[in-house]
PDB file of all heavy atoms in Angstrom:
ATOM      1  N   GLY A   1      51.353 178.984 226.508  1.00  0.00           N
ATOM      2  CA  GLY A   1      52.739 178.792 226.153  1.00  0.00           C
ATOM      3  C   GLY A   1      53.606 179.983 226.544  1.00  0.00           C
ATOM      4  O   GLY A   1      53.137 181.088 226.636  1.00  0.00           O
ATOM      5  N   SER A   2      54.845 179.677 226.735  1.00  0.00           N
ATOM      6  CA  SER A   2      55.834 180.734 226.952  1.00  0.00           C
ATOM      7  C   SER A   2      56.951 180.557 225.937  1.00  0.00           C
ATOM      8  O   SER A   2      57.181 179.478 225.437  1.00  0.00           O
ATOM      9  CB  SER A   2      56.402 180.641 228.387  1.00  0.00           C
ATOM     10  OG  SER A   2      57.059 179.412 228.612  1.00  0.00           O
ATOM     11  N   GLY A   3      57.577 181.659 225.633  1.00  0.00           N
ATOM     12  CA  GLY A   3      58.623 181.647 224.601  1.00  0.00           C
ATOM     13  C   GLY A   3      58.179 182.467 223.423  1.00  0.00           C
ATOM     14  O   GLY A   3      57.042 182.408 223.000  1.00  0.00           O
ATOM     15  N   ARG A   4      59.107 183.199 222.896  1.00  0.00           N
ATOM     16  CA  ARG A   4      58.772 184.116 221.803  1.00  0.00           C
ATOM     17  C   ARG A   4      58.499 183.440 220.480  1.00  0.00           C
ATOM     18  O   ARG A   4      58.004 184.071 219.563  1.00  0.00           O
ATOM     19  CB  ARG A   4      59.919 185.126 221.633  1.00  0.00           C
ATOM     20  CG  ARG A   4      60.136 185.997 222.861  1.00  0.00           C
ATOM     21  CD  ARG A   4      61.246 187.005 222.614  1.00  0.00           C
ATOM     22  NE  ARG A   4      60.892 187.967 221.578  1.00  0.00           N
ATOM     23  CZ  ARG A   4      60.141 189.043 221.780  1.00  0.00           C
ATOM     24  NH1 ARG A   4      59.650 189.288 222.984  1.00  0.00           N
ATOM     25  NH2 ARG A   4      59.868 189.871 220.786  1.00  0.00           N
ATOM     26  N   THR A   5      58.777 182.140 220.395  1.00  0.00           N
ATOM     27  CA  THR A   5      58.538 181.439 219.155  1.00  0.00           C
ATOM     28  C   THR A   5      57.162 180.814 219.029  1.00  0.00           C
ATOM     29  O   THR A   5      56.828 180.212 218.035  1.00  0.00           O
ATOM     30  CB  THR A   5      59.594 180.313 218.946  1.00  0.00           C
ATOM     31  OG1 THR A   5      59.487 179.411 220.059  1.00  0.00           O
ATOM     32  CG2 THR A   5      60.988 180.888 218.884  1.00  0.00           C
ATOM     33  N   PHE A   6      56.330 180.995 220.073  1.00  0.00           N
ATOM     34  CA  PHE A   6      55.012 180.362 220.114  1.00  0.00           C
ATOM     35  C   PHE A   6      54.176 180.660 218.865  1.00  0.00           C
ATOM     36  O   PHE A   6      53.606 179.758 218.262  1.00  0.00           O
ATOM     37  CB  PHE A   6      54.261 180.781 221.369  1.00  0.00           C
ATOM     38  CG  PHE A   6      52.863 180.220 221.429  1.00  0.00           C
ATOM     39  CD1 PHE A   6      52.647 178.979 222.015  1.00  0.00           C
ATOM     40  CD2 PHE A   6      51.795 180.921 220.950  1.00  0.00           C
ATOM     41  CE1 PHE A   6      51.375 178.434 222.097  1.00  0.00           C
ATOM     42  CE2 PHE A   6      50.479 180.401 221.027  1.00  0.00           C
ATOM     43  CZ  PHE A   6      50.303 179.165 221.598  1.00  0.00           C
ATOM     44  N   SER A   7      54.114 181.912 218.468  1.00  0.00           N
ATOM     45  CA  SER A   7      53.245 182.283 217.371  1.00  0.00           C
ATOM     46  C   SER A   7      53.672 181.701 216.052  1.00  0.00           C
ATOM     47  O   SER A   7      52.879 181.645 215.123  1.00  0.00           O
ATOM     48  CB  SER A   7      53.175 183.815 217.254  1.00  0.00           C
ATOM     49  OG  SER A   7      54.452 184.358 216.976  1.00  0.00           O
ATOM     50  N   GLY A   8      54.879 181.248 215.937  1.00  0.00           N
ATOM     51  CA  GLY A   8      55.353 180.648 214.698  1.00  0.00           C
ATOM     52  C   GLY A   8      55.221 179.136 214.635  1.00  0.00           C
ATOM     53  O   GLY A   8      55.629 178.539 213.638  1.00  0.00           O
ATOM     54  N   LEU A   9      54.636 178.551 215.652  1.00  0.00           N
ATOM     55  CA  LEU A   9      54.512 177.106 215.733  1.00  0.00           C
ATOM     56  C   LEU A   9      53.098 176.626 215.503  1.00  0.00           C
ATOM     57  O   LEU A   9      52.134 177.265 215.900  1.00  0.00           O
ATOM     58  CB  LEU A   9      54.995 176.618 217.089  1.00  0.00           C
ATOM     59  CG  LEU A   9      56.473 176.833 217.447  1.00  0.00           C
ATOM     60  CD1 LEU A   9      56.711 176.499 218.903  1.00  0.00           C
ATOM     61  CD2 LEU A   9      57.332 175.961 216.560  1.00  0.00           C
ATOM     62  N   ALA A  10      52.996 175.480 214.883  1.00  0.00           N
ATOM     63  CA  ALA A  10      51.736 174.778 214.793  1.00  0.00           C
ATOM     64  C   ALA A  10      51.464 174.132 216.159  1.00  0.00           C
ATOM     65  O   ALA A  10      52.408 173.812 216.906  1.00  0.00           O
ATOM     66  CB  ALA A  10      51.776 173.706 213.718  1.00  0.00           C
ATOM     67  N   MET A  11      50.191 173.958 216.513  1.00  0.00           N
ATOM     68  CA  MET A  11      49.824 173.408 217.808  1.00  0.00           C
ATOM     69  C   MET A  11      48.879 172.254 217.601  1.00  0.00           C
ATOM     70  O   MET A  11      48.048 172.251 216.707  1.00  0.00           O
ATOM     71  CB  MET A  11      49.147 174.466 218.668  1.00  0.00           C
ATOM     72  CG  MET A  11      50.017 175.678 218.990  1.00  0.00           C
ATOM     73  SD  MET A  11      51.432 175.270 220.040  1.00  0.00           S
ATOM     74  CE  MET A  11      50.563 174.704 221.523  1.00  0.00           C
ATOM     75  N   GLY A  12      48.993 171.290 218.470  1.00  0.00           N
ATOM     76  CA  GLY A  12      48.139 170.136 218.397  1.00  0.00           C
ATOM     77  C   GLY A  12      47.589 169.747 219.754  1.00  0.00           C
ATOM     78  O   GLY A  12      48.214 170.048 220.779  1.00  0.00           O
ATOM     79  N   TRP A  13      46.418 169.147 219.758  1.00  0.00           N
ATOM     80  CA  TRP A  13      45.840 168.568 220.940  1.00  0.00           C
ATOM     81  C   TRP A  13      45.824 167.052 220.795  1.00  0.00           C
ATOM     82  O   TRP A  13      45.406 166.519 219.753  1.00  0.00           O
ATOM     83  CB  TRP A  13      44.414 169.062 221.178  1.00  0.00           C
ATOM     84  CG  TRP A  13      44.361 170.454 221.745  1.00  0.00           C
ATOM     85  CD1 TRP A  13      44.107 171.614 221.110  1.00  0.00           C
ATOM     86  CD2 TRP A  13      44.529 170.797 223.141  1.00  0.00           C
ATOM     87  NE1 TRP A  13      44.123 172.662 221.982  1.00  0.00           N
ATOM     88  CE2 TRP A  13      44.360 172.200 223.247  1.00  0.00           C
ATOM     89  CE3 TRP A  13      44.777 170.054 224.303  1.00  0.00           C
ATOM     90  CZ2 TRP A  13      44.468 172.872 224.459  1.00  0.00           C
ATOM     91  CZ3 TRP A  13      44.898 170.716 225.504  1.00  0.00           C
ATOM     92  CH2 TRP A  13      44.739 172.124 225.569  1.00  0.00           C
ATOM     93  N   PHE A  14      46.331 166.379 221.805  1.00  0.00           N
ATOM     94  CA  PHE A  14      46.352 164.934 221.835  1.00  0.00           C
ATOM     95  C   PHE A  14      45.644 164.450 223.083  1.00  0.00           C
ATOM     96  O   PHE A  14      45.479 165.215 224.042  1.00  0.00           O
ATOM     97  CB  PHE A  14      47.820 164.435 221.891  1.00  0.00           C
ATOM     98  CG  PHE A  14      48.616 164.730 220.650  1.00  0.00           C
ATOM     99  CD1 PHE A  14      49.076 166.017 220.393  1.00  0.00           C
ATOM    100  CD2 PHE A  14      48.907 163.735 219.729  1.00  0.00           C
ATOM    101  CE1 PHE A  14      49.822 166.305 219.285  1.00  0.00           C
ATOM    102  CE2 PHE A  14      49.665 164.015 218.602  1.00  0.00           C
ATOM    103  CZ  PHE A  14      50.095 165.284 218.376  1.00  0.00           C
ATOM    104  N   ARG A  15      45.210 163.248 223.065  1.00  0.00           N
ATOM    105  CA  ARG A  15      44.600 162.673 224.255  1.00  0.00           C
ATOM    106  C   ARG A  15      44.989 161.224 224.392  1.00  0.00           C
ATOM    107  O   ARG A  15      45.272 160.525 223.416  1.00  0.00           O
ATOM    108  CB  ARG A  15      43.060 162.789 224.214  1.00  0.00           C
ATOM    109  CG  ARG A  15      42.379 161.974 223.153  1.00  0.00           C
ATOM    110  CD  ARG A  15      40.890 162.270 223.144  1.00  0.00           C
ATOM    111  NE  ARG A  15      40.181 161.417 222.179  1.00  0.00           N
ATOM    112  CZ  ARG A  15      38.886 161.582 221.885  1.00  0.00           C
ATOM    113  NH1 ARG A  15      38.160 162.514 222.502  1.00  0.00           N
ATOM    114  NH2 ARG A  15      38.315 160.794 220.980  1.00  0.00           N
ATOM    115  N   GLN A  16      45.004 160.766 225.632  1.00  0.00           N
ATOM    116  CA  GLN A  16      45.322 159.392 225.920  1.00  0.00           C
ATOM    117  C   GLN A  16      44.394 158.884 226.985  1.00  0.00           C
ATOM    118  O   GLN A  16      44.356 159.382 228.097  1.00  0.00           O
ATOM    119  CB  GLN A  16      46.768 159.234 226.358  1.00  0.00           C
ATOM    120  CG  GLN A  16      47.200 157.779 226.496  1.00  0.00           C
ATOM    121  CD  GLN A  16      48.706 157.608 226.534  1.00  0.00           C
ATOM    122  OE1 GLN A  16      49.428 158.518 226.953  1.00  0.00           O
ATOM    123  NE2 GLN A  16      49.188 156.477 226.068  1.00  0.00           N
ATOM    124  N   ALA A  17      43.608 157.892 226.628  1.00  0.00           N
ATOM    125  CA  ALA A  17      42.685 157.243 227.552  1.00  0.00           C
ATOM    126  C   ALA A  17      43.331 156.006 228.117  1.00  0.00           C
ATOM    127  O   ALA A  17      44.243 155.409 227.513  1.00  0.00           O
ATOM    128  CB  ALA A  17      41.387 156.900 226.827  1.00  0.00           C
ATOM    129  N   PRO A  18      42.840 155.545 229.273  1.00  0.00           N
ATOM    130  CA  PRO A  18      43.407 154.317 229.856  1.00  0.00           C
ATOM    131  C   PRO A  18      43.370 153.134 228.911  1.00  0.00           C
ATOM    132  O   PRO A  18      42.314 152.831 228.325  1.00  0.00           O
ATOM    133  CB  PRO A  18      42.502 154.096 231.078  1.00  0.00           C
ATOM    134  CG  PRO A  18      42.014 155.450 231.436  1.00  0.00           C
ATOM    135  CD  PRO A  18      41.808 156.154 230.125  1.00  0.00           C
ATOM    136  N   GLY A  19      44.491 152.480 228.767  1.00  0.00           N
ATOM    137  CA  GLY A  19      44.580 151.314 227.905  1.00  0.00           C
ATOM    138  C   GLY A  19      44.599 151.586 226.445  1.00  0.00           C
ATOM    139  O   GLY A  19      44.555 150.648 225.622  1.00  0.00           O
ATOM    140  N   LYS A  20      44.669 152.864 226.026  1.00  0.00           N
ATOM    141  CA  LYS A  20      44.649 153.209 224.634  1.00  0.00           C
ATOM    142  C   LYS A  20      45.887 154.026 224.284  1.00  0.00           C
ATOM    143  O   LYS A  20      46.519 154.630 225.150  1.00  0.00           O
ATOM    144  CB  LYS A  20      43.404 153.990 224.261  1.00  0.00           C
ATOM    145  CG  LYS A  20      42.111 153.236 224.416  1.00  0.00           C
ATOM    146  CD  LYS A  20      40.929 154.053 223.943  1.00  0.00           C
ATOM    147  CE  LYS A  20      39.631 153.255 224.061  1.00  0.00           C
ATOM    148  NZ  LYS A  20      38.466 154.054 223.582  1.00  0.00           N
ATOM    149  N   ASN A  21      46.212 154.027 223.007  1.00  0.00           N
ATOM    150  CA  ASN A  21      47.340 154.797 222.558  1.00  0.00           C
ATOM    151  C   ASN A  21      46.977 156.291 222.477  1.00  0.00           C
ATOM    152  O   ASN A  21      45.813 156.643 222.376  1.00  0.00           O
ATOM    153  CB  ASN A  21      47.778 154.321 221.149  1.00  0.00           C
ATOM    154  CG  ASN A  21      48.357 152.948 221.146  1.00  0.00           C
ATOM    155  OD1 ASN A  21      49.045 152.561 222.097  1.00  0.00           O
ATOM    156  ND2 ASN A  21      48.087 152.204 220.088  1.00  0.00           N
ATOM    157  N   ARG A  22      47.991 157.121 222.528  1.00  0.00           N
ATOM    158  CA  ARG A  22      47.771 158.538 222.391  1.00  0.00           C
ATOM    159  C   ARG A  22      47.328 158.830 220.969  1.00  0.00           C
ATOM    160  O   ARG A  22      47.869 158.314 220.017  1.00  0.00           O
ATOM    161  CB  ARG A  22      49.052 159.318 222.715  1.00  0.00           C
ATOM    162  CG  ARG A  22      48.943 160.799 222.597  1.00  0.00           C
ATOM    163  CD  ARG A  22      50.251 161.477 223.018  1.00  0.00           C
ATOM    164  NE  ARG A  22      50.492 161.304 224.440  1.00  0.00           N
ATOM    165  CZ  ARG A  22      51.592 161.754 225.056  1.00  0.00           C
ATOM    166  NH1 ARG A  22      52.542 162.371 224.350  1.00  0.00           N
ATOM    167  NH2 ARG A  22      51.737 161.568 226.353  1.00  0.00           N
ATOM    168  N   GLU A  23      46.321 159.695 220.843  1.00  0.00           N
ATOM    169  CA  GLU A  23      45.834 160.042 219.525  1.00  0.00           C
ATOM    170  C   GLU A  23      45.815 161.563 219.342  1.00  0.00           C
ATOM    171  O   GLU A  23      45.590 162.299 220.295  1.00  0.00           O
ATOM    172  CB  GLU A  23      44.435 159.466 219.267  1.00  0.00           C
ATOM    173  CG  GLU A  23      43.356 159.990 220.155  1.00  0.00           C
ATOM    174  CD  GLU A  23      41.972 159.524 219.780  1.00  0.00           C
ATOM    175  OE1 GLU A  23      41.768 159.174 218.598  1.00  0.00           O
ATOM    176  OE2 GLU A  23      41.072 159.494 220.642  1.00  0.00           O
ATOM    177  N   ASN A  24      46.029 161.972 218.102  1.00  0.00           N
ATOM    178  CA  ASN A  24      45.964 163.374 217.774  1.00  0.00           C
ATOM    179  C   ASN A  24      44.522 163.771 217.530  1.00  0.00           C
ATOM    180  O   ASN A  24      43.908 163.324 216.560  1.00  0.00           O
ATOM    181  CB  ASN A  24      46.837 163.649 216.526  1.00  0.00           C
ATOM    182  CG  ASN A  24      46.962 165.104 216.159  1.00  0.00           C
ATOM    183  OD1 ASN A  24      47.301 165.442 215.045  1.00  0.00           O
ATOM    184  ND2 ASN A  24      46.703 166.003 217.120  1.00  0.00           N
ATOM    185  N   VAL A  25      43.995 164.606 218.367  1.00  0.00           N
ATOM    186  CA  VAL A  25      42.583 165.013 218.314  1.00  0.00           C
ATOM    187  C   VAL A  25      42.377 166.149 217.328  1.00  0.00           C
ATOM    188  O   VAL A  25      41.463 166.126 216.500  1.00  0.00           O
ATOM    189  CB  VAL A  25      42.082 165.401 219.696  1.00  0.00           C
ATOM    190  CG1 VAL A  25      40.657 165.961 219.598  1.00  0.00           C
ATOM    191  CG2 VAL A  25      42.141 164.213 220.649  1.00  0.00           C
ATOM    192  N   ALA A  26      43.253 167.149 217.383  1.00  0.00           N
ATOM    193  CA  ALA A  26      43.105 168.326 216.554  1.00  0.00           C
ATOM    194  C   ALA A  26      44.445 169.021 216.398  1.00  0.00           C
ATOM    195  O   ALA A  26      45.364 168.816 217.193  1.00  0.00           O
ATOM    196  CB  ALA A  26      42.086 169.274 217.147  1.00  0.00           C
ATOM    197  N   ALA A  27      44.561 169.842 215.380  1.00  0.00           N
ATOM    198  CA  ALA A  27      45.769 170.599 215.171  1.00  0.00           C
ATOM    199  C   ALA A  27      45.415 171.909 214.465  1.00  0.00           C
ATOM    200  O   ALA A  27      44.411 171.995 213.775  1.00  0.00           O
ATOM    201  CB  ALA A  27      46.768 169.827 214.368  1.00  0.00           C
ATOM    202  N   ILE A  28      46.239 172.924 214.661  1.00  0.00           N
ATOM    203  CA  ILE A  28      46.047 174.211 214.058  1.00  0.00           C
ATOM    204  C   ILE A  28      47.400 174.793 213.668  1.00  0.00           C
ATOM    205  O   ILE A  28      48.389 174.616 214.365  1.00  0.00           O
ATOM    206  CB  ILE A  28      45.307 175.127 215.062  1.00  0.00           C
ATOM    207  CG1 ILE A  28      44.921 176.455 214.403  1.00  0.00           C
ATOM    208  CG2 ILE A  28      46.129 175.345 216.327  1.00  0.00           C
ATOM    209  CD1 ILE A  28      43.929 177.260 215.265  1.00  0.00           C
ATOM    210  N   ASN A  29      47.443 175.420 212.506  1.00  0.00           N
ATOM    211  CA  ASN A  29      48.715 175.981 212.036  1.00  0.00           C
ATOM    212  C   ASN A  29      49.029 177.262 212.787  1.00  0.00           C
ATOM    213  O   ASN A  29      48.277 177.769 213.611  1.00  0.00           O
ATOM    214  CB  ASN A  29      48.683 176.184 210.525  1.00  0.00           C
ATOM    215  CG  ASN A  29      47.787 177.357 210.067  1.00  0.00           C
ATOM    216  OD1 ASN A  29      46.856 177.759 210.776  1.00  0.00           O
ATOM    217  ND2 ASN A  29      48.093 177.860 208.880  1.00  0.00           N
ATOM    218  N   TRP A  30      50.176 177.840 212.456  1.00  0.00           N
ATOM    219  CA  TRP A  30      50.672 178.994 213.221  1.00  0.00           C
ATOM    220  C   TRP A  30      49.756 180.224 213.200  1.00  0.00           C
ATOM    221  O   TRP A  30      49.677 180.942 214.185  1.00  0.00           O
ATOM    222  CB  TRP A  30      52.062 179.396 212.740  1.00  0.00           C
ATOM    223  CG  TRP A  30      52.063 180.011 211.344  1.00  0.00           C
ATOM    224  CD1 TRP A  30      52.145 179.386 210.150  1.00  0.00           C
ATOM    225  CD2 TRP A  30      51.954 181.423 211.071  1.00  0.00           C
ATOM    226  NE1 TRP A  30      52.091 180.309 209.119  1.00  0.00           N
ATOM    227  CE2 TRP A  30      52.008 181.551 209.645  1.00  0.00           C
ATOM    228  CE3 TRP A  30      51.876 182.559 211.857  1.00  0.00           C
ATOM    229  CZ2 TRP A  30      51.935 182.773 209.027  1.00  0.00           C
ATOM    230  CZ3 TRP A  30      51.792 183.811 211.205  1.00  0.00           C
ATOM    231  CH2 TRP A  30      51.829 183.895 209.831  1.00  0.00           C
ATOM    232  N   SER A  31      49.063 180.417 212.090  1.00  0.00           N
ATOM    233  CA  SER A  31      48.232 181.609 211.953  1.00  0.00           C
ATOM    234  C   SER A  31      46.780 181.358 212.335  1.00  0.00           C
ATOM    235  O   SER A  31      45.997 182.290 212.414  1.00  0.00           O
ATOM    236  CB  SER A  31      48.290 182.114 210.522  1.00  0.00           C
ATOM    237  OG  SER A  31      47.771 181.185 209.597  1.00  0.00           O
ATOM    238  N   GLY A  32      46.440 180.078 212.546  1.00  0.00           N
ATOM    239  CA  GLY A  32      45.067 179.749 212.885  1.00  0.00           C
ATOM    240  C   GLY A  32      44.143 179.633 211.698  1.00  0.00           C
ATOM    241  O   GLY A  32      42.904 179.533 211.877  1.00  0.00           O
ATOM    242  N   THR A  33      44.689 179.624 210.501  1.00  0.00           N
ATOM    243  CA  THR A  33      43.859 179.564 209.307  1.00  0.00           C
ATOM    244  C   THR A  33      43.563 178.159 208.829  1.00  0.00           C
ATOM    245  O   THR A  33      42.706 177.981 207.967  1.00  0.00           O
ATOM    246  CB  THR A  33      44.534 180.334 208.146  1.00  0.00           C
ATOM    247  OG1 THR A  33      45.849 179.788 207.904  1.00  0.00           O
ATOM    248  CG2 THR A  33      44.699 181.809 208.517  1.00  0.00           C
ATOM    249  N   ARG A  34      44.229 177.165 209.360  1.00  0.00           N
ATOM    250  CA  ARG A  34      44.011 175.797 208.987  1.00  0.00           C
ATOM    251  C   ARG A  34      43.910 174.919 210.225  1.00  0.00           C
ATOM    252  O   ARG A  34      44.692 175.052 211.163  1.00  0.00           O
ATOM    253  CB  ARG A  34      45.126 175.288 208.075  1.00  0.00           C
ATOM    254  CG  ARG A  34      45.224 176.085 206.777  1.00  0.00           C
ATOM    255  CD  ARG A  34      46.211 175.438 205.807  1.00  0.00           C
ATOM    256  NE  ARG A  34      46.420 176.281 204.632  1.00  0.00           N
ATOM    257  CZ  ARG A  34      45.573 176.332 203.623  1.00  0.00           C
ATOM    258  NH1 ARG A  34      44.457 175.604 203.616  1.00  0.00           N
ATOM    259  NH2 ARG A  34      45.829 177.118 202.573  1.00  0.00           N
ATOM    260  N   THR A  35      42.927 174.025 210.211  1.00  0.00           N
ATOM    261  CA  THR A  35      42.732 173.111 211.309  1.00  0.00           C
ATOM    262  C   THR A  35      42.414 171.719 210.782  1.00  0.00           C
ATOM    263  O   THR A  35      41.909 171.541 209.667  1.00  0.00           O
ATOM    264  CB  THR A  35      41.573 173.567 212.223  1.00  0.00           C
ATOM    265  OG1 THR A  35      40.366 173.686 211.461  1.00  0.00           O
ATOM    266  CG2 THR A  35      41.888 174.888 212.861  1.00  0.00           C
ATOM    267  N   ILE A  36      42.701 170.725 211.602  1.00  0.00           N
ATOM    268  CA  ILE A  36      42.337 169.358 211.291  1.00  0.00           C
ATOM    269  C   ILE A  36      41.793 168.685 212.552  1.00  0.00           C
ATOM    270  O   ILE A  36      42.117 169.085 213.668  1.00  0.00           O
ATOM    271  CB  ILE A  36      43.534 168.529 210.749  1.00  0.00           C
ATOM    272  CG1 ILE A  36      44.672 168.471 211.777  1.00  0.00           C
ATOM    273  CG2 ILE A  36      44.007 169.092 209.401  1.00  0.00           C
ATOM    274  CD1 ILE A  36      45.727 167.451 211.447  1.00  0.00           C
ATOM    275  N   TYR A  37      40.966 167.678 212.354  1.00  0.00           N
ATOM    276  CA  TYR A  37      40.384 166.949 213.458  1.00  0.00           C
ATOM    277  C   TYR A  37      40.307 165.486 213.147  1.00  0.00           C
ATOM    278  O   TYR A  37      40.147 165.073 211.989  1.00  0.00           O
ATOM    279  CB  TYR A  37      38.930 167.447 213.730  1.00  0.00           C
ATOM    280  CG  TYR A  37      38.834 168.896 214.042  1.00  0.00           C
ATOM    281  CD1 TYR A  37      38.606 169.831 213.037  1.00  0.00           C
ATOM    282  CD2 TYR A  37      38.975 169.370 215.349  1.00  0.00           C
ATOM    283  CE1 TYR A  37      38.521 171.187 213.309  1.00  0.00           C
ATOM    284  CE2 TYR A  37      38.884 170.720 215.621  1.00  0.00           C
ATOM    285  CZ  TYR A  37      38.653 171.608 214.614  1.00  0.00           C
ATOM    286  OH  TYR A  37      38.584 172.935 214.897  1.00  0.00           O
ATOM    287  N   THR A  38      40.422 164.676 214.166  1.00  0.00           N
ATOM    288  CA  THR A  38      40.224 163.278 213.975  1.00  0.00           C
ATOM    289  C   THR A  38      38.718 163.033 213.778  1.00  0.00           C
ATOM    290  O   THR A  38      37.899 163.792 214.289  1.00  0.00           O
ATOM    291  CB  THR A  38      40.763 162.465 215.190  1.00  0.00           C
ATOM    292  OG1 THR A  38      40.756 161.053 214.855  1.00  0.00           O
ATOM    293  CG2 THR A  38      39.903 162.673 216.415  1.00  0.00           C
ATOM    294  N   ASN A  39      38.371 161.989 213.062  1.00  0.00           N
ATOM    295  CA  ASN A  39      36.990 161.756 212.674  1.00  0.00           C
ATOM    296  C   ASN A  39      36.036 161.706 213.850  1.00  0.00           C
ATOM    297  O   ASN A  39      34.871 162.169 213.755  1.00  0.00           O
ATOM    298  CB  ASN A  39      36.852 160.479 211.851  1.00  0.00           C
ATOM    299  CG  ASN A  39      37.464 160.614 210.458  1.00  0.00           C
ATOM    300  OD1 ASN A  39      37.888 159.617 209.888  1.00  0.00           O
ATOM    301  ND2 ASN A  39      37.508 161.817 209.933  1.00  0.00           N
ATOM    302  N   THR A  40      36.433 161.152 214.958  1.00  0.00           N
ATOM    303  CA  THR A  40      35.515 160.962 216.066  1.00  0.00           C
ATOM    304  C   THR A  40      35.130 162.246 216.774  1.00  0.00           C
ATOM    305  O   THR A  40      34.145 162.254 217.529  1.00  0.00           O
ATOM    306  CB  THR A  40      36.126 160.000 217.122  1.00  0.00           C
ATOM    307  OG1 THR A  40      37.418 160.496 217.532  1.00  0.00           O
ATOM    308  CG2 THR A  40      36.303 158.620 216.519  1.00  0.00           C
ATOM    309  N   VAL A  41      35.811 163.342 216.516  1.00  0.00           N
ATOM    310  CA  VAL A  41      35.491 164.589 217.179  1.00  0.00           C
ATOM    311  C   VAL A  41      34.992 165.665 216.226  1.00  0.00           C
ATOM    312  O   VAL A  41      34.620 166.766 216.648  1.00  0.00           O
ATOM    313  CB  VAL A  41      36.668 165.136 218.018  1.00  0.00           C
ATOM    314  CG1 VAL A  41      37.177 164.081 218.974  1.00  0.00           C
ATOM    315  CG2 VAL A  41      37.768 165.659 217.121  1.00  0.00           C
TER     316      VAL A  41
END
């Protein structure tokens, strides 16, 4: 990422497979102390 606000933002990983909707795979808060994952991963 670029931009000075990066460290203050939560980040997420999404994926989209052919013929499927985009899904949220994982996310992490600004400090990296909290994470979530979709059940399949």
